[in-house]
N, C-alpha and C. Protein backbone atom coordinates (compact mmCIF):
# COMPACT_ATOMS: atom_id res chain seq x y z
N MET A 1 187.69 88.32 141.09
CA MET A 1 186.89 88.43 139.93
C MET A 1 185.42 88.35 140.35
N ALA A 2 184.59 89.15 139.62
CA ALA A 2 183.16 89.24 139.94
C ALA A 2 182.41 88.07 139.33
N ASN A 3 181.34 87.72 139.99
CA ASN A 3 180.50 86.63 139.52
C ASN A 3 179.54 87.19 138.44
N ILE A 4 179.62 86.73 137.23
CA ILE A 4 178.78 87.21 136.12
C ILE A 4 177.90 86.05 135.67
N ASN A 5 176.59 86.35 135.61
CA ASN A 5 175.65 85.34 135.10
C ASN A 5 175.53 85.50 133.60
N LEU A 6 175.78 84.50 132.89
CA LEU A 6 175.65 84.51 131.44
C LEU A 6 174.53 83.54 131.06
N TYR A 7 173.74 83.95 130.04
CA TYR A 7 172.62 83.12 129.57
C TYR A 7 172.89 82.66 128.16
N SER A 8 172.45 81.49 127.89
CA SER A 8 172.58 80.98 126.52
C SER A 8 171.49 81.64 125.67
N LYS A 9 171.55 81.49 124.35
CA LYS A 9 170.54 82.05 123.44
C LYS A 9 169.17 81.47 123.77
N GLU A 10 169.08 80.18 123.99
CA GLU A 10 167.81 79.56 124.32
C GLU A 10 167.23 80.12 125.60
N GLN A 11 168.11 80.34 126.61
CA GLN A 11 167.65 80.90 127.87
C GLN A 11 167.17 82.35 127.67
N THR A 12 167.90 83.11 126.89
CA THR A 12 167.54 84.50 126.62
C THR A 12 166.21 84.56 125.87
N ASP A 13 166.02 83.70 124.86
CA ASP A 13 164.76 83.67 124.10
C ASP A 13 163.61 83.29 125.02
N GLY A 14 163.82 82.36 125.91
CA GLY A 14 162.78 81.95 126.85
C GLY A 14 162.39 83.08 127.79
N LEU A 15 163.39 83.82 128.29
CA LEU A 15 163.09 84.94 129.18
C LEU A 15 162.37 86.06 128.43
N LEU A 16 162.75 86.32 127.19
CA LEU A 16 162.13 87.39 126.40
C LEU A 16 160.70 87.03 125.96
N SER A 17 160.42 85.74 125.80
CA SER A 17 159.09 85.34 125.33
C SER A 17 158.03 85.67 126.37
N GLY A 18 158.36 85.84 127.59
CA GLY A 18 157.41 86.19 128.64
C GLY A 18 157.27 87.69 128.82
N LYS A 19 157.88 88.48 127.96
CA LYS A 19 157.84 89.94 128.07
C LYS A 19 157.12 90.53 126.86
N GLN A 20 156.74 91.80 126.94
CA GLN A 20 156.11 92.50 125.82
C GLN A 20 156.82 93.81 125.59
N ASP A 21 156.55 94.40 124.44
CA ASP A 21 157.14 95.70 124.14
C ASP A 21 156.64 96.72 125.14
N THR A 22 157.42 97.75 125.36
CA THR A 22 157.01 98.84 126.25
C THR A 22 155.76 99.48 125.69
N LEU A 23 154.76 99.69 126.58
CA LEU A 23 153.50 100.27 126.13
C LEU A 23 153.65 101.75 125.84
N VAL A 24 153.12 102.18 124.68
CA VAL A 24 153.13 103.57 124.29
C VAL A 24 151.66 103.95 124.06
N SER A 25 151.18 104.88 124.89
CA SER A 25 149.77 105.26 124.85
C SER A 25 149.37 105.72 123.45
N GLY A 26 148.29 105.15 122.95
CA GLY A 26 147.79 105.51 121.63
C GLY A 26 148.48 104.78 120.50
N THR A 27 149.54 104.02 120.80
CA THR A 27 150.27 103.30 119.75
C THR A 27 150.00 101.81 119.87
N ASN A 28 150.35 101.21 121.00
CA ASN A 28 150.08 99.79 121.18
C ASN A 28 149.17 99.52 122.39
N ILE A 29 148.59 100.59 122.93
CA ILE A 29 147.52 100.49 123.93
C ILE A 29 146.62 101.69 123.71
N LYS A 30 145.36 101.47 123.77
CA LYS A 30 144.40 102.53 123.49
C LYS A 30 144.37 103.56 124.60
N THR A 31 143.73 104.67 124.29
CA THR A 31 143.46 105.69 125.30
C THR A 31 141.95 105.66 125.56
N VAL A 32 141.52 106.28 126.63
CA VAL A 32 140.10 106.41 126.94
C VAL A 32 139.80 107.89 127.04
N ASN A 33 138.88 108.34 126.18
CA ASN A 33 138.58 109.77 126.11
C ASN A 33 139.87 110.59 126.00
N ASN A 34 140.79 110.08 125.19
CA ASN A 34 142.09 110.72 124.93
C ASN A 34 142.99 110.79 126.16
N GLN A 35 142.73 110.00 127.17
CA GLN A 35 143.59 109.94 128.35
C GLN A 35 144.39 108.65 128.31
N SER A 36 145.67 108.77 128.61
CA SER A 36 146.55 107.61 128.61
C SER A 36 146.18 106.67 129.75
N LEU A 37 146.35 105.37 129.47
CA LEU A 37 146.12 104.35 130.49
C LEU A 37 147.44 103.84 131.07
N VAL A 38 148.55 104.37 130.57
CA VAL A 38 149.87 103.94 131.04
C VAL A 38 150.21 104.74 132.29
N GLY A 39 150.71 104.05 133.30
CA GLY A 39 151.12 104.70 134.54
C GLY A 39 150.22 104.26 135.67
N SER A 40 150.39 104.92 136.79
CA SER A 40 149.62 104.55 137.98
C SER A 40 148.46 105.50 138.15
N GLY A 41 147.56 105.15 139.02
CA GLY A 41 146.43 106.02 139.31
C GLY A 41 145.14 105.53 138.67
N ASN A 42 144.22 106.41 138.57
CA ASN A 42 142.88 106.08 138.09
C ASN A 42 142.49 107.06 136.98
N VAL A 43 141.73 106.58 136.08
CA VAL A 43 141.17 107.44 135.04
C VAL A 43 139.68 107.57 135.35
N ASN A 44 139.25 108.77 135.69
CA ASN A 44 137.83 109.00 135.97
C ASN A 44 137.11 109.24 134.65
N ILE A 45 136.02 108.54 134.47
CA ILE A 45 135.23 108.67 133.26
C ILE A 45 133.86 109.19 133.65
N ASP A 46 133.52 110.35 133.13
CA ASP A 46 132.21 110.90 133.39
C ASP A 46 131.21 110.29 132.41
N ILE A 47 130.26 109.56 132.95
CA ILE A 47 129.23 108.93 132.13
C ILE A 47 127.95 109.72 132.35
N PRO A 48 127.42 110.28 131.27
CA PRO A 48 126.20 111.08 131.45
C PRO A 48 125.03 110.19 131.89
N VAL A 49 124.15 110.77 132.68
CA VAL A 49 122.95 110.06 133.12
C VAL A 49 121.95 110.09 131.97
N VAL A 50 121.49 108.92 131.58
CA VAL A 50 120.53 108.81 130.49
C VAL A 50 119.26 108.19 131.07
N THR A 51 118.15 108.87 130.88
CA THR A 51 116.87 108.32 131.31
C THR A 51 116.32 107.48 130.17
N ILE A 52 116.01 106.22 130.48
CA ILE A 52 115.46 105.30 129.48
C ILE A 52 114.00 105.09 129.81
N ASP A 53 113.14 105.47 128.88
CA ASP A 53 111.70 105.36 129.11
C ASP A 53 111.26 103.91 129.09
N ASP A 54 110.22 103.62 129.92
CA ASP A 54 109.67 102.26 129.96
C ASP A 54 108.29 102.19 129.32
N GLU A 55 107.94 103.22 128.54
CA GLU A 55 106.72 103.21 127.75
C GLU A 55 106.90 104.16 126.57
N LEU A 56 106.12 103.93 125.53
CA LEU A 56 106.20 104.79 124.34
C LEU A 56 105.56 106.13 124.65
N SER A 57 106.13 107.17 124.06
CA SER A 57 105.63 108.52 124.28
C SER A 57 105.73 109.29 122.97
N GLY A 58 104.75 110.13 122.71
CA GLY A 58 104.78 110.97 121.53
C GLY A 58 105.57 112.24 121.73
N THR A 59 106.05 112.49 122.96
CA THR A 59 106.75 113.74 123.24
C THR A 59 108.17 113.54 123.78
N SER A 60 108.47 112.40 124.37
CA SER A 60 109.78 112.18 125.00
C SER A 60 110.86 112.03 123.94
N THR A 61 112.04 112.61 124.22
CA THR A 61 113.20 112.44 123.33
C THR A 61 114.18 111.42 123.91
N ASN A 62 113.80 110.78 125.01
CA ASN A 62 114.66 109.77 125.64
C ASN A 62 114.63 108.48 124.83
N PRO A 63 115.67 107.65 124.97
CA PRO A 63 115.59 106.32 124.37
C PRO A 63 114.54 105.50 125.12
N VAL A 64 114.06 104.44 124.47
CA VAL A 64 113.03 103.61 125.08
C VAL A 64 113.54 102.17 125.14
N GLN A 65 113.09 101.44 126.15
CA GLN A 65 113.53 100.05 126.34
C GLN A 65 113.16 99.19 125.14
N ASN A 66 114.06 98.30 124.78
CA ASN A 66 113.87 97.39 123.66
C ASN A 66 112.59 96.58 123.83
N ARG A 67 112.33 96.06 125.02
CA ARG A 67 111.15 95.22 125.24
C ARG A 67 109.87 96.00 125.02
N VAL A 68 109.89 97.31 125.27
CA VAL A 68 108.70 98.14 125.05
C VAL A 68 108.43 98.24 123.55
N ILE A 69 109.50 98.43 122.78
CA ILE A 69 109.37 98.50 121.32
C ILE A 69 108.89 97.16 120.79
N ASN A 70 109.49 96.08 121.27
CA ASN A 70 109.09 94.74 120.82
C ASN A 70 107.63 94.47 121.11
N SER A 71 107.18 94.84 122.30
CA SER A 71 105.78 94.63 122.68
C SER A 71 104.85 95.45 121.79
N ALA A 72 105.24 96.68 121.49
CA ALA A 72 104.42 97.54 120.64
C ALA A 72 104.34 96.97 119.22
N LEU A 73 105.45 96.45 118.72
CA LEU A 73 105.46 95.87 117.38
C LEU A 73 104.65 94.58 117.34
N ASP A 74 104.71 93.79 118.41
CA ASP A 74 103.94 92.55 118.46
C ASP A 74 102.43 92.82 118.41
N GLY A 75 102.02 94.00 118.87
CA GLY A 75 100.62 94.36 118.88
C GLY A 75 100.13 94.90 117.55
N LYS A 76 101.00 94.98 116.57
CA LYS A 76 100.64 95.52 115.26
C LYS A 76 100.64 94.41 114.23
N GLN A 77 99.95 94.65 113.14
CA GLN A 77 99.96 93.71 112.03
C GLN A 77 100.63 94.38 110.84
N PRO A 78 101.04 93.58 109.86
CA PRO A 78 101.64 94.18 108.68
C PRO A 78 100.63 95.09 107.98
N THR A 79 101.12 96.05 107.22
CA THR A 79 100.26 96.93 106.45
C THR A 79 99.41 96.08 105.50
N LEU A 80 98.13 96.36 105.49
CA LEU A 80 97.22 95.59 104.66
C LEU A 80 97.35 96.00 103.19
N VAL A 81 97.36 95.01 102.31
CA VAL A 81 97.40 95.22 100.87
C VAL A 81 96.22 94.47 100.28
N SER A 82 95.29 95.22 99.70
CA SER A 82 94.07 94.63 99.17
C SER A 82 94.36 93.52 98.18
N GLY A 83 93.73 92.37 98.42
CA GLY A 83 93.91 91.22 97.54
C GLY A 83 95.14 90.39 97.86
N THR A 84 96.00 90.88 98.75
CA THR A 84 97.21 90.15 99.12
C THR A 84 97.08 89.55 100.52
N ASN A 85 96.93 90.41 101.53
CA ASN A 85 96.76 89.89 102.88
C ASN A 85 95.42 90.31 103.50
N ILE A 86 94.54 90.84 102.66
CA ILE A 86 93.14 91.05 103.04
C ILE A 86 92.34 90.84 101.75
N LYS A 87 91.23 90.16 101.88
CA LYS A 87 90.43 89.82 100.70
C LYS A 87 89.74 91.05 100.12
N THR A 88 89.18 90.87 98.93
CA THR A 88 88.32 91.88 98.32
C THR A 88 86.90 91.31 98.31
N VAL A 89 85.93 92.18 98.09
CA VAL A 89 84.54 91.76 97.96
C VAL A 89 84.07 92.20 96.58
N ASN A 90 83.68 91.23 95.77
CA ASN A 90 83.27 91.52 94.39
C ASN A 90 84.33 92.36 93.69
N ASN A 91 85.60 91.99 93.91
CA ASN A 91 86.76 92.66 93.32
C ASN A 91 86.91 94.11 93.77
N GLN A 92 86.30 94.48 94.87
CA GLN A 92 86.44 95.83 95.42
C GLN A 92 87.25 95.75 96.70
N SER A 93 88.18 96.68 96.86
CA SER A 93 89.02 96.72 98.05
C SER A 93 88.20 97.04 99.28
N LEU A 94 88.55 96.41 100.40
CA LEU A 94 87.91 96.71 101.68
C LEU A 94 88.60 97.89 102.37
N LEU A 95 89.73 98.30 101.85
CA LEU A 95 90.49 99.37 102.47
C LEU A 95 89.96 100.73 102.03
N GLY A 96 90.05 101.69 102.91
CA GLY A 96 89.63 103.05 102.58
C GLY A 96 88.30 103.38 103.21
N THR A 97 87.71 104.45 102.70
CA THR A 97 86.44 104.91 103.24
C THR A 97 85.31 104.52 102.31
N GLY A 98 84.10 104.72 102.77
CA GLY A 98 82.94 104.45 101.93
C GLY A 98 82.28 103.14 102.26
N ASN A 99 81.46 102.67 101.34
CA ASN A 99 80.64 101.49 101.56
C ASN A 99 80.68 100.63 100.32
N ILE A 100 80.64 99.35 100.50
CA ILE A 100 80.48 98.41 99.39
C ILE A 100 79.06 97.87 99.51
N SER A 101 78.24 98.21 98.54
CA SER A 101 76.86 97.75 98.57
C SER A 101 76.79 96.34 98.00
N ILE A 102 76.18 95.45 98.75
CA ILE A 102 75.96 94.08 98.31
C ILE A 102 74.48 93.99 97.97
N PRO A 103 74.14 93.67 96.70
CA PRO A 103 72.72 93.63 96.34
C PRO A 103 72.00 92.51 97.10
N VAL A 104 70.77 92.82 97.49
CA VAL A 104 69.93 91.84 98.18
C VAL A 104 69.03 91.21 97.13
N ILE A 105 69.03 89.91 97.06
CA ILE A 105 68.18 89.20 96.11
C ILE A 105 67.00 88.63 96.88
N THR A 106 65.82 89.02 96.48
CA THR A 106 64.61 88.51 97.11
C THR A 106 64.14 87.29 96.32
N VAL A 107 63.97 86.20 97.01
CA VAL A 107 63.49 84.96 96.39
C VAL A 107 62.05 84.77 96.83
N ASP A 108 61.15 84.75 95.84
CA ASP A 108 59.72 84.62 96.16
C ASP A 108 59.41 83.20 96.63
N SER A 109 58.40 83.13 97.51
CA SER A 109 57.95 81.82 98.02
C SER A 109 56.62 81.42 97.40
N ALA A 110 56.21 82.15 96.39
CA ALA A 110 54.96 81.80 95.68
C ALA A 110 55.11 82.25 94.23
N ILE A 111 54.46 81.58 93.35
CA ILE A 111 54.48 81.95 91.93
C ILE A 111 53.62 83.18 91.75
N SER A 112 54.11 84.13 90.94
CA SER A 112 53.40 85.39 90.72
C SER A 112 53.46 85.73 89.24
N GLY A 113 52.40 86.31 88.74
CA GLY A 113 52.37 86.73 87.34
C GLY A 113 53.02 88.09 87.13
N THR A 114 53.40 88.79 88.23
CA THR A 114 53.95 90.14 88.09
C THR A 114 55.38 90.26 88.62
N SER A 115 55.80 89.39 89.51
CA SER A 115 57.13 89.49 90.12
C SER A 115 58.22 89.08 89.13
N THR A 116 59.35 89.80 89.18
CA THR A 116 60.52 89.43 88.36
C THR A 116 61.59 88.74 89.21
N ASN A 117 61.25 88.45 90.47
CA ASN A 117 62.19 87.79 91.37
C ASN A 117 62.28 86.30 91.05
N PRO A 118 63.40 85.66 91.43
CA PRO A 118 63.44 84.20 91.31
C PRO A 118 62.47 83.57 92.31
N VAL A 119 62.12 82.30 92.06
CA VAL A 119 61.16 81.58 92.91
C VAL A 119 61.85 80.37 93.50
N GLN A 120 61.46 80.03 94.73
CA GLN A 120 62.04 78.86 95.40
C GLN A 120 61.82 77.60 94.57
N ASN A 121 62.83 76.74 94.55
CA ASN A 121 62.78 75.49 93.81
C ASN A 121 61.58 74.65 94.25
N GLN A 122 61.35 74.53 95.55
CA GLN A 122 60.26 73.69 96.04
C GLN A 122 58.90 74.19 95.58
N VAL A 123 58.76 75.51 95.42
CA VAL A 123 57.49 76.07 94.96
C VAL A 123 57.23 75.63 93.53
N ILE A 124 58.27 75.67 92.70
CA ILE A 124 58.13 75.25 91.30
C ILE A 124 57.82 73.76 91.22
N LYS A 125 58.55 72.93 91.98
CA LYS A 125 58.32 71.49 91.93
C LYS A 125 56.91 71.15 92.38
N ASN A 126 56.46 71.75 93.48
CA ASN A 126 55.11 71.48 93.98
C ASN A 126 54.05 71.90 92.96
N ALA A 127 54.30 73.01 92.30
CA ALA A 127 53.34 73.47 91.29
C ALA A 127 53.30 72.51 90.11
N LEU A 128 54.45 72.03 89.69
CA LEU A 128 54.49 71.09 88.56
C LEU A 128 53.93 69.73 88.94
N ASP A 129 54.20 69.29 90.18
CA ASP A 129 53.66 67.99 90.62
C ASP A 129 52.14 68.01 90.63
N GLY A 130 51.55 69.15 90.82
CA GLY A 130 50.09 69.26 90.87
C GLY A 130 49.46 69.38 89.49
N LYS A 131 50.25 69.40 88.45
CA LYS A 131 49.72 69.52 87.09
C LYS A 131 49.68 68.16 86.43
N GLN A 132 48.77 68.00 85.48
CA GLN A 132 48.62 66.76 84.73
C GLN A 132 49.56 66.78 83.54
N ASN A 133 50.03 65.59 83.15
CA ASN A 133 50.86 65.49 81.97
C ASN A 133 50.04 65.86 80.74
N ASN A 134 50.70 66.22 79.66
CA ASN A 134 50.00 66.55 78.42
C ASN A 134 49.26 65.31 77.90
N ILE A 135 48.09 65.55 77.35
CA ILE A 135 47.31 64.47 76.75
C ILE A 135 47.13 64.81 75.27
N THR A 136 47.47 63.83 74.46
CA THR A 136 47.29 64.00 73.02
C THR A 136 46.23 63.02 72.56
N ILE A 137 45.23 63.51 71.83
CA ILE A 137 44.15 62.64 71.30
C ILE A 137 44.24 62.70 69.78
N ASN A 138 44.40 61.53 69.20
CA ASN A 138 44.47 61.42 67.74
C ASN A 138 43.28 60.59 67.24
N LEU A 139 42.69 61.03 66.20
CA LEU A 139 41.59 60.29 65.59
C LEU A 139 42.20 59.30 64.60
N VAL A 140 41.92 58.01 64.80
CA VAL A 140 42.48 56.97 63.94
C VAL A 140 41.33 56.31 63.18
N ASP A 141 41.39 56.36 61.90
CA ASP A 141 40.39 55.71 61.01
C ASP A 141 38.96 56.11 61.36
N ASN A 142 38.73 57.23 61.82
CA ASN A 142 37.42 57.76 62.18
C ASN A 142 36.62 56.83 63.08
N SER A 143 37.29 55.88 63.67
CA SER A 143 36.51 54.96 64.48
C SER A 143 36.91 54.94 65.96
N TYR A 144 38.12 55.22 66.25
CA TYR A 144 38.47 55.23 67.68
C TYR A 144 39.51 56.33 67.93
N TYR A 145 39.71 56.61 69.23
CA TYR A 145 40.66 57.65 69.64
C TYR A 145 41.86 57.00 70.32
N GLN A 146 43.01 57.55 70.01
CA GLN A 146 44.23 57.09 70.68
C GLN A 146 44.68 58.23 71.59
N MET A 147 44.93 57.91 72.88
CA MET A 147 45.33 58.92 73.85
C MET A 147 46.73 58.61 74.38
N THR A 148 47.57 59.62 74.39
CA THR A 148 48.91 59.45 74.99
C THR A 148 49.12 60.55 76.01
N TYR A 149 49.80 60.19 77.04
CA TYR A 149 50.13 61.19 78.04
C TYR A 149 51.39 60.82 78.75
């Protein structure tokens, strides 16, 4: 009689747990460029040569390095919005073309009978300090004068 090895259910389950289903290309294992990976040998993959630019260009159609883009963006500021991230002058936007005229106010350093300009405070004070207070003279009982100032 021949020697037959018999396995118990537990032994069979243990042996099967270390195995997997037969691989079927495209079903339970992927393909690469539609080529099966099942079997022996090598799968050659042609990878196109891609030139990656290391600076920004207005004419190149190549991809550019991430760090170059990051550096270019770091050198820029957000778009300016008048009154939001850039101030206005006398409620006029600083953005655009043209000029914002700021009126020049001339302050006189001397009192003048013809000028319509404002006068320095010190000039007015000095002029008033050099003046005498008002004097009022009242005749009282036709005999003496009362003076107030």
